Amino acid sequence: MLKITKFFTIIILVLLSVDSYSQVNGVGINTIDPKSTLDINGNLSIKVATIPGGPSGAAAQITDQGVYLSLDANGSNNDFQLPNPVTVPGRIYILRNISTTNTAYLLTTGTTGSTGKFFAKDSSNPTETSGTAVINMPANGNSKSIIIVSDGANWTYF
């Protein structure tokens, strides 16, 4: 019995040390020598989802439906609501207005003060319309597709 207990103790220690070692050096997918915490040698697929506009008077909620989100601004309400950036620090979305005729309006929530605003990548001034944090994503033009990142207080878009 003592030999079996000793054997299992050694196995557990070996497994724990391997797990600890892999966490320090990163995880490699299709590579034996990862250079980052996550190192992928190959293609990466991300979840893609289409979100229709919200019902009349309410914005469609964007939470964890995916990373690449097609915003369908073809309904009667073309408002899309991002989560509070404080609750999702580091979250990244790739957003595209798939309408060929309607503008999609991207909104966010936040606490009072400077949180919950949109900042263009090269601006220190928030993007606002009449004091409300909003990004217009026209059916055609430069802002039809954007990448947006939460810094834990606000959203920065590219």
N, C-alpha and C. Protein backbone atom coordinates (compact mmCIF):
# COMPACT_ATOMS: atom_id res chain seq x y z
N MET A 1 0.81 -1.20 0.00
CA MET A 1 0.00 0.00 0.00
C MET A 1 0.85 1.26 0.00
N LEU A 2 1.95 1.24 0.75
CA LEU A 2 2.84 2.39 0.83
C LEU A 2 3.48 2.69 -0.53
N LYS A 3 3.82 1.62 -1.28
CA LYS A 3 4.42 1.80 -2.60
C LYS A 3 3.43 2.46 -3.55
N ILE A 4 2.18 2.07 -3.49
CA ILE A 4 1.15 2.65 -4.37
C ILE A 4 0.94 4.13 -4.03
N THR A 5 0.87 4.47 -2.77
CA THR A 5 0.71 5.86 -2.34
C THR A 5 1.90 6.69 -2.79
N LYS A 6 3.10 6.15 -2.62
CA LYS A 6 4.30 6.87 -3.04
C LYS A 6 4.30 7.06 -4.56
N PHE A 7 3.90 6.04 -5.31
CA PHE A 7 3.85 6.12 -6.77
C PHE A 7 2.88 7.22 -7.22
N PHE A 8 1.68 7.24 -6.66
CA PHE A 8 0.69 8.26 -7.03
C PHE A 8 1.13 9.67 -6.62
N THR A 9 1.81 9.77 -5.49
CA THR A 9 2.34 11.07 -5.07
C THR A 9 3.36 11.59 -6.08
N ILE A 10 4.24 10.72 -6.55
CA ILE A 10 5.23 11.12 -7.54
C ILE A 10 4.56 11.52 -8.84
N ILE A 11 3.58 10.75 -9.28
CA ILE A 11 2.84 11.07 -10.52
C ILE A 11 2.17 12.44 -10.40
N ILE A 12 1.54 12.72 -9.29
CA ILE A 12 0.86 14.00 -9.09
C ILE A 12 1.87 15.14 -9.11
N LEU A 13 2.99 14.97 -8.45
CA LEU A 13 4.02 16.01 -8.45
C LEU A 13 4.56 16.26 -9.86
N VAL A 14 4.77 15.22 -10.63
CA VAL A 14 5.26 15.37 -12.00
C VAL A 14 4.22 16.12 -12.83
N LEU A 15 2.95 15.74 -12.72
CA LEU A 15 1.91 16.41 -13.48
C LEU A 15 1.78 17.88 -13.10
N LEU A 16 1.86 18.18 -11.82
CA LEU A 16 1.78 19.57 -11.38
C LEU A 16 2.97 20.38 -11.88
N SER A 17 4.14 19.80 -11.90
CA SER A 17 5.31 20.54 -12.37
C SER A 17 5.23 20.76 -13.88
N VAL A 18 4.71 19.81 -14.64
CA VAL A 18 4.54 19.99 -16.08
C VAL A 18 3.52 21.09 -16.35
N ASP A 19 2.41 21.08 -15.60
CA ASP A 19 1.39 22.12 -15.78
C ASP A 19 1.97 23.48 -15.43
N SER A 20 2.71 23.57 -14.35
CA SER A 20 3.32 24.84 -13.95
C SER A 20 4.32 25.31 -15.00
N TYR A 21 5.11 24.40 -15.52
CA TYR A 21 6.11 24.74 -16.52
C TYR A 21 5.45 25.27 -17.79
N SER A 22 4.37 24.64 -18.23
CA SER A 22 3.71 25.09 -19.47
C SER A 22 3.08 26.47 -19.30
N GLN A 23 2.63 26.81 -18.11
CA GLN A 23 2.03 28.11 -17.88
C GLN A 23 3.08 29.22 -17.97
N VAL A 24 4.31 28.95 -17.55
CA VAL A 24 5.36 29.95 -17.58
C VAL A 24 5.81 30.22 -19.01
N ASN A 25 5.94 29.18 -19.81
CA ASN A 25 6.50 29.32 -21.15
C ASN A 25 5.46 29.58 -22.22
N GLY A 26 4.22 29.46 -21.92
CA GLY A 26 3.18 29.69 -22.91
C GLY A 26 2.67 28.39 -23.51
N VAL A 27 1.68 28.53 -24.34
CA VAL A 27 1.05 27.40 -25.00
C VAL A 27 1.29 27.53 -26.49
N GLY A 28 1.79 26.48 -27.10
CA GLY A 28 2.01 26.49 -28.53
C GLY A 28 1.04 25.56 -29.22
N ILE A 29 0.39 26.06 -30.26
CA ILE A 29 -0.47 25.24 -31.09
C ILE A 29 0.24 25.07 -32.42
N ASN A 30 0.59 23.85 -32.72
CA ASN A 30 1.31 23.51 -33.94
C ASN A 30 2.74 24.08 -33.92
N THR A 31 3.30 24.27 -32.72
CA THR A 31 4.68 24.69 -32.56
C THR A 31 5.21 24.10 -31.25
N ILE A 32 6.47 23.72 -31.23
CA ILE A 32 7.04 23.15 -30.01
C ILE A 32 7.80 24.18 -29.19
N ASP A 33 7.96 25.37 -29.74
CA ASP A 33 8.72 26.42 -29.05
C ASP A 33 7.92 27.73 -29.05
N PRO A 34 6.86 27.83 -28.21
CA PRO A 34 6.04 29.06 -28.21
C PRO A 34 6.84 30.27 -27.78
N LYS A 35 6.64 31.38 -28.48
CA LYS A 35 7.33 32.64 -28.18
C LYS A 35 6.45 33.63 -27.43
N SER A 36 5.18 33.29 -27.24
CA SER A 36 4.23 34.14 -26.51
C SER A 36 3.40 33.25 -25.60
N THR A 37 2.55 33.87 -24.78
CA THR A 37 1.67 33.09 -23.91
C THR A 37 0.81 32.14 -24.73
N LEU A 38 0.32 32.62 -25.88
CA LEU A 38 -0.37 31.77 -26.84
C LEU A 38 0.28 32.00 -28.19
N ASP A 39 0.86 30.96 -28.76
CA ASP A 39 1.58 31.04 -30.03
C ASP A 39 0.94 30.04 -30.99
N ILE A 40 0.30 30.54 -32.04
CA ILE A 40 -0.41 29.69 -32.99
C ILE A 40 0.34 29.69 -34.31
N ASN A 41 0.76 28.53 -34.73
CA ASN A 41 1.40 28.37 -36.03
C ASN A 41 0.35 27.77 -36.96
N GLY A 42 -0.43 28.61 -37.59
CA GLY A 42 -1.52 28.16 -38.45
C GLY A 42 -2.60 29.21 -38.50
N ASN A 43 -3.76 28.83 -38.98
CA ASN A 43 -4.89 29.75 -39.10
C ASN A 43 -5.67 29.82 -37.80
N LEU A 44 -6.34 30.93 -37.60
CA LEU A 44 -7.17 31.13 -36.43
C LEU A 44 -8.57 31.47 -36.90
N SER A 45 -9.55 30.77 -36.39
CA SER A 45 -10.95 31.09 -36.68
C SER A 45 -11.58 31.68 -35.44
N ILE A 46 -12.40 32.70 -35.63
CA ILE A 46 -13.10 33.32 -34.52
C ILE A 46 -14.59 33.24 -34.79
N LYS A 47 -15.37 33.28 -33.73
CA LYS A 47 -16.81 33.18 -33.86
C LYS A 47 -17.36 34.39 -34.61
N VAL A 48 -18.23 34.13 -35.58
CA VAL A 48 -18.87 35.17 -36.37
C VAL A 48 -20.36 35.11 -36.07
N ALA A 49 -20.98 36.26 -35.87
CA ALA A 49 -22.42 36.31 -35.59
C ALA A 49 -23.03 37.53 -36.28
N THR A 50 -24.31 37.42 -36.60
CA THR A 50 -25.07 38.54 -37.15
C THR A 50 -26.07 38.98 -36.09
N ILE A 51 -26.13 40.28 -35.85
CA ILE A 51 -27.04 40.82 -34.84
C ILE A 51 -28.02 41.77 -35.53
N PRO A 52 -29.31 41.47 -35.46
CA PRO A 52 -30.30 42.40 -36.03
C PRO A 52 -30.45 43.61 -35.11
N GLY A 53 -30.91 44.72 -35.66
CA GLY A 53 -31.18 45.92 -34.85
C GLY A 53 -32.17 45.60 -33.75
N GLY A 54 -32.16 46.42 -32.71
CA GLY A 54 -33.04 46.19 -31.57
C GLY A 54 -34.49 46.50 -31.88
N PRO A 55 -35.39 46.10 -30.98
CA PRO A 55 -36.80 46.44 -31.16
C PRO A 55 -36.99 47.94 -31.03
N SER A 56 -38.10 48.42 -31.46
CA SER A 56 -38.37 49.86 -31.44
C SER A 56 -38.13 50.43 -30.05
N GLY A 57 -37.26 51.44 -29.97
CA GLY A 57 -37.00 52.11 -28.70
C GLY A 57 -35.92 51.45 -27.85
N ALA A 58 -35.36 50.31 -28.29
CA ALA A 58 -34.32 49.63 -27.50
C ALA A 58 -33.19 49.19 -28.43
N ALA A 59 -31.97 49.38 -27.97
CA ALA A 59 -30.81 49.00 -28.77
C ALA A 59 -30.57 47.50 -28.68
N ALA A 60 -30.07 46.91 -29.77
CA ALA A 60 -29.66 45.51 -29.74
C ALA A 60 -28.42 45.40 -28.87
N GLN A 61 -28.40 44.41 -27.98
CA GLN A 61 -27.29 44.26 -27.04
C GLN A 61 -26.17 43.43 -27.65
N ILE A 62 -24.95 43.96 -27.60
CA ILE A 62 -23.77 43.25 -28.04
C ILE A 62 -23.04 42.80 -26.78
N THR A 63 -22.99 41.51 -26.55
CA THR A 63 -22.26 41.03 -25.37
C THR A 63 -21.23 40.01 -25.81
N ASP A 64 -21.56 38.74 -25.71
CA ASP A 64 -20.57 37.71 -26.04
C ASP A 64 -21.01 36.85 -27.22
N GLN A 65 -21.76 37.44 -28.17
CA GLN A 65 -22.23 36.67 -29.31
C GLN A 65 -21.08 36.22 -30.21
N GLY A 66 -19.98 36.92 -30.21
CA GLY A 66 -18.86 36.57 -31.06
C GLY A 66 -17.82 37.66 -31.06
N VAL A 67 -16.83 37.53 -31.92
CA VAL A 67 -15.77 38.52 -32.05
C VAL A 67 -15.99 39.34 -33.31
N TYR A 68 -16.28 38.66 -34.43
CA TYR A 68 -16.59 39.36 -35.68
C TYR A 68 -18.11 39.44 -35.76
N LEU A 69 -18.64 40.66 -35.64
CA LEU A 69 -20.09 40.83 -35.58
C LEU A 69 -20.58 41.64 -36.76
N SER A 70 -21.52 41.06 -37.48
CA SER A 70 -22.18 41.76 -38.58
C SER A 70 -23.41 42.45 -38.00
N LEU A 71 -23.45 43.77 -38.05
CA LEU A 71 -24.57 44.54 -37.53
C LEU A 71 -25.56 44.75 -38.66
N ASP A 72 -26.73 44.17 -38.52
CA ASP A 72 -27.76 44.23 -39.55
C ASP A 72 -28.65 45.44 -39.29
N ALA A 73 -28.32 46.55 -39.92
CA ALA A 73 -29.03 47.82 -39.71
C ALA A 73 -30.16 47.98 -40.72
N ASN A 74 -30.81 46.90 -41.10
CA ASN A 74 -31.87 46.97 -42.09
C ASN A 74 -33.26 47.03 -41.48
N GLY A 75 -33.35 47.06 -40.14
CA GLY A 75 -34.65 47.13 -39.49
C GLY A 75 -35.08 48.55 -39.23
N SER A 76 -36.09 48.69 -38.40
CA SER A 76 -36.60 50.03 -38.08
C SER A 76 -35.76 50.71 -37.00
N ASN A 77 -35.01 49.93 -36.20
CA ASN A 77 -34.15 50.50 -35.17
C ASN A 77 -32.73 50.02 -35.44
N ASN A 78 -31.83 50.95 -35.67
CA ASN A 78 -30.46 50.60 -36.04
C ASN A 78 -29.46 50.91 -34.94
N ASP A 79 -29.89 50.82 -33.67
CA ASP A 79 -29.03 51.07 -32.52
C ASP A 79 -28.47 49.75 -32.01
N PHE A 80 -27.15 49.76 -31.71
CA PHE A 80 -26.47 48.59 -31.19
C PHE A 80 -25.69 49.00 -29.95
N GLN A 81 -25.89 48.28 -28.83
CA GLN A 81 -25.35 48.66 -27.52
C GLN A 81 -24.20 47.75 -27.12
N LEU A 82 -23.00 48.34 -26.98
CA LEU A 82 -21.86 47.60 -26.43
C LEU A 82 -22.00 47.52 -24.92
N PRO A 83 -21.38 46.50 -24.30
CA PRO A 83 -21.42 46.45 -22.83
C PRO A 83 -20.59 47.57 -22.22
N ASN A 84 -20.76 47.79 -20.94
CA ASN A 84 -19.96 48.75 -20.20
C ASN A 84 -18.50 48.32 -20.29
N PRO A 85 -17.58 49.18 -20.77
CA PRO A 85 -16.19 48.77 -20.94
C PRO A 85 -15.50 48.39 -19.63
N VAL A 86 -16.03 48.85 -18.50
CA VAL A 86 -15.46 48.49 -17.20
C VAL A 86 -15.64 47.00 -16.94
N THR A 87 -16.74 46.43 -17.41
CA THR A 87 -17.04 45.02 -17.14
C THR A 87 -16.33 44.06 -18.09
N VAL A 88 -15.75 44.57 -19.17
CA VAL A 88 -15.10 43.69 -20.15
C VAL A 88 -13.72 44.24 -20.57
N PRO A 89 -12.80 44.48 -19.62
CA PRO A 89 -11.50 45.03 -20.00
C PRO A 89 -10.76 44.08 -20.94
N GLY A 90 -10.17 44.67 -21.98
CA GLY A 90 -9.44 43.86 -22.95
C GLY A 90 -10.30 43.23 -24.03
N ARG A 91 -11.61 43.36 -23.94
CA ARG A 91 -12.50 42.77 -24.95
C ARG A 91 -12.28 43.45 -26.28
N ILE A 92 -12.24 42.67 -27.34
CA ILE A 92 -12.06 43.18 -28.70
C ILE A 92 -13.22 42.70 -29.56
N TYR A 93 -13.78 43.61 -30.34
CA TYR A 93 -14.81 43.27 -31.32
C TYR A 93 -14.37 43.80 -32.68
N ILE A 94 -14.71 43.05 -33.71
CA ILE A 94 -14.61 43.53 -35.08
C ILE A 94 -16.06 43.69 -35.53
N LEU A 95 -16.45 44.92 -35.85
CA LEU A 95 -17.85 45.21 -36.18
C LEU A 95 -17.96 45.68 -37.62
N ARG A 96 -19.01 45.22 -38.30
CA ARG A 96 -19.26 45.64 -39.68
C ARG A 96 -20.75 45.87 -39.86
N ASN A 97 -21.09 47.04 -40.41
CA ASN A 97 -22.47 47.33 -40.77
C ASN A 97 -22.73 46.64 -42.11
N ILE A 98 -23.58 45.62 -42.12
CA ILE A 98 -23.81 44.87 -43.35
C ILE A 98 -24.94 45.45 -44.19
N SER A 99 -25.57 46.51 -43.71
CA SER A 99 -26.60 47.17 -44.49
C SER A 99 -25.96 47.92 -45.66
N THR A 100 -26.64 47.93 -46.79
CA THR A 100 -26.15 48.70 -47.94
C THR A 100 -26.84 50.05 -48.03
N THR A 101 -27.80 50.31 -47.11
CA THR A 101 -28.55 51.57 -47.18
C THR A 101 -28.64 52.33 -45.86
N ASN A 102 -28.56 51.66 -44.72
CA ASN A 102 -28.82 52.31 -43.43
C ASN A 102 -27.57 52.43 -42.57
N THR A 103 -27.49 53.51 -41.80
CA THR A 103 -26.42 53.72 -40.84
C THR A 103 -26.71 52.92 -39.58
N ALA A 104 -25.67 52.27 -39.04
CA ALA A 104 -25.78 51.61 -37.74
C ALA A 104 -25.22 52.57 -36.69
N TYR A 105 -25.87 52.65 -35.55
CA TYR A 105 -25.45 53.55 -34.47
C TYR A 105 -24.95 52.69 -33.31
N LEU A 106 -23.69 52.87 -32.96
CA LEU A 106 -23.06 52.11 -31.90
C LEU A 106 -23.06 52.93 -30.63
N LEU A 107 -23.64 52.39 -29.56
CA LEU A 107 -23.77 53.07 -28.27
C LEU A 107 -23.01 52.29 -27.21
N THR A 108 -22.75 52.93 -26.09
CA THR A 108 -22.16 52.24 -24.95
C THR A 108 -22.71 52.81 -23.66
N THR A 109 -22.52 52.07 -22.58
CA THR A 109 -22.92 52.56 -21.26
C THR A 109 -21.69 52.64 -20.40
N GLY A 110 -21.79 53.36 -19.34
CA GLY A 110 -20.68 53.47 -18.39
C GLY A 110 -21.14 54.24 -17.18
N THR A 111 -20.24 54.37 -16.24
CA THR A 111 -20.56 55.14 -15.05
C THR A 111 -20.38 56.62 -15.35
N THR A 112 -20.71 57.45 -14.42
CA THR A 112 -20.55 58.89 -14.64
C THR A 112 -19.08 59.25 -14.70
N GLY A 113 -18.78 60.36 -15.24
CA GLY A 113 -17.39 60.79 -15.38
C GLY A 113 -16.87 60.46 -16.76
N SER A 114 -15.64 59.98 -16.82
CA SER A 114 -15.00 59.77 -18.12
C SER A 114 -15.15 58.34 -18.65
N THR A 115 -15.83 57.46 -17.93
CA THR A 115 -15.95 56.08 -18.41
C THR A 115 -17.11 55.92 -19.38
N GLY A 116 -17.00 54.92 -20.21
CA GLY A 116 -18.06 54.60 -21.13
C GLY A 116 -18.09 55.49 -22.35
N LYS A 117 -16.95 55.97 -22.80
CA LYS A 117 -16.89 56.83 -23.98
C LYS A 117 -16.16 56.11 -25.10
N PHE A 118 -16.31 56.65 -26.31
CA PHE A 118 -15.59 56.16 -27.48
C PHE A 118 -14.46 57.13 -27.81
N PHE A 119 -13.29 56.59 -28.11
CA PHE A 119 -12.16 57.39 -28.55
C PHE A 119 -11.61 56.81 -29.84
N ALA A 120 -11.47 57.66 -30.85
CA ALA A 120 -10.79 57.24 -32.07
C ALA A 120 -9.33 56.98 -31.74
N LYS A 121 -8.69 56.12 -32.48
CA LYS A 121 -7.31 55.70 -32.19
C LYS A 121 -6.33 56.86 -32.05
N ASP A 122 -6.57 57.96 -32.73
CA ASP A 122 -5.61 59.06 -32.74
C ASP A 122 -6.16 60.32 -32.07
N SER A 123 -7.15 60.16 -31.19
CA SER A 123 -7.78 61.33 -30.59
C SER A 123 -7.84 61.21 -29.07
N SER A 124 -7.68 62.35 -28.40
CA SER A 124 -7.88 62.38 -26.95
C SER A 124 -9.25 62.92 -26.60
N ASN A 125 -10.04 63.25 -27.62
CA ASN A 125 -11.40 63.75 -27.41
C ASN A 125 -12.39 62.64 -27.73
N PRO A 126 -13.38 62.44 -26.86
CA PRO A 126 -14.35 61.38 -27.12
C PRO A 126 -15.23 61.70 -28.33
N THR A 127 -15.69 60.63 -28.98
CA THR A 127 -16.63 60.75 -30.08
C THR A 127 -18.03 60.82 -29.48
N GLU A 128 -18.69 61.95 -29.67
CA GLU A 128 -20.02 62.14 -29.08
C GLU A 128 -20.94 62.83 -30.07
N THR A 129 -22.22 62.57 -29.90
CA THR A 129 -23.26 63.28 -30.64
C THR A 129 -24.23 63.82 -29.60
N SER A 130 -24.32 65.12 -29.50
CA SER A 130 -25.20 65.78 -28.52
C SER A 130 -24.94 65.27 -27.10
N GLY A 131 -23.66 65.09 -26.75
CA GLY A 131 -23.30 64.67 -25.40
C GLY A 131 -23.45 63.18 -25.14
N THR A 132 -23.86 62.40 -26.13
CA THR A 132 -24.03 60.96 -25.97
C THR A 132 -22.93 60.24 -26.73
N ALA A 133 -22.35 59.21 -26.09
CA ALA A 133 -21.31 58.41 -26.75
C ALA A 133 -21.96 57.59 -27.85
N VAL A 134 -21.62 57.92 -29.08
CA VAL A 134 -22.19 57.20 -30.23
C VAL A 134 -21.19 57.22 -31.38
N ILE A 135 -21.14 56.11 -32.11
CA ILE A 135 -20.35 56.03 -33.33
C ILE A 135 -21.33 55.74 -34.46
N ASN A 136 -21.28 56.57 -35.49
CA ASN A 136 -22.10 56.33 -36.68
C ASN A 136 -21.31 55.42 -37.62
N MET A 137 -21.92 54.30 -37.99
CA MET A 137 -21.31 53.38 -38.94
C MET A 137 -22.15 53.39 -40.21
N PRO A 138 -21.79 54.24 -41.18
CA PRO A 138 -22.61 54.38 -42.38
C PRO A 138 -22.61 53.11 -43.23
N ALA A 139 -23.59 53.04 -44.13
CA ALA A 139 -23.70 51.90 -45.03
C ALA A 139 -22.50 51.84 -45.98
N ASN A 140 -21.94 52.99 -46.27
CA ASN A 140 -20.76 53.08 -47.13
C ASN A 140 -19.82 54.11 -46.54
N GLY A 141 -18.53 53.87 -46.60
CA GLY A 141 -17.58 54.85 -46.09
C GLY A 141 -16.54 54.21 -45.19
N ASN A 142 -15.71 55.08 -44.60
CA ASN A 142 -14.58 54.61 -43.80
C ASN A 142 -14.98 53.89 -42.53
N SER A 143 -16.10 54.21 -41.94
CA SER A 143 -16.50 53.61 -40.67
C SER A 143 -17.50 52.48 -40.83
N LYS A 144 -17.59 51.90 -42.02
CA LYS A 144 -18.49 50.76 -42.23
C LYS A 144 -18.03 49.56 -41.41
N SER A 145 -16.72 49.42 -41.26
CA SER A 145 -16.12 48.36 -40.44
C SER A 145 -15.15 49.00 -39.46
N ILE A 146 -15.21 48.55 -38.19
CA ILE A 146 -14.27 49.06 -37.18
C ILE A 146 -13.81 47.92 -36.28
N ILE A 147 -12.67 48.12 -35.67
CA ILE A 147 -12.19 47.26 -34.59
C ILE A 147 -12.28 48.11 -33.33
N ILE A 148 -12.85 47.55 -32.28
CA ILE A 148 -13.04 48.33 -31.05
C ILE A 148 -12.54 47.51 -29.86
N VAL A 149 -11.82 48.20 -28.95
CA VAL A 149 -11.14 47.54 -27.83
C VAL A 149 -11.49 48.26 -26.54
N SER A 150 -11.83 47.49 -25.50
CA SER A 150 -12.08 48.07 -24.18
C SER A 150 -10.76 48.17 -23.43
N ASP A 151 -10.49 49.38 -22.88
CA ASP A 151 -9.30 49.54 -22.05
C ASP A 151 -9.63 49.42 -20.57
N GLY A 152 -10.85 49.00 -20.27
CA GLY A 152 -11.30 48.86 -18.90
C GLY A 152 -12.04 50.07 -18.37
N ALA A 153 -12.07 51.14 -19.16
CA ALA A 153 -12.80 52.35 -18.79
C ALA A 153 -13.59 52.90 -19.97
N ASN A 154 -13.01 52.83 -21.15
CA ASN A 154 -13.61 53.37 -22.37
C ASN A 154 -13.37 52.41 -23.52
N TRP A 155 -13.88 52.77 -24.69
CA TRP A 155 -13.66 52.00 -25.92
C TRP A 155 -12.79 52.81 -26.87
N THR A 156 -11.77 52.17 -27.45
CA THR A 156 -10.95 52.79 -28.49
C THR A 156 -11.26 52.06 -29.79
N TYR A 157 -11.48 52.85 -30.86
CA TYR A 157 -11.81 52.21 -32.14
C TYR A 157 -10.85 52.61 -33.23
N PHE A 158 -10.68 51.70 -34.18
CA PHE A 158 -9.76 51.85 -35.30
C PHE A 158 -10.53 51.68 -36.59
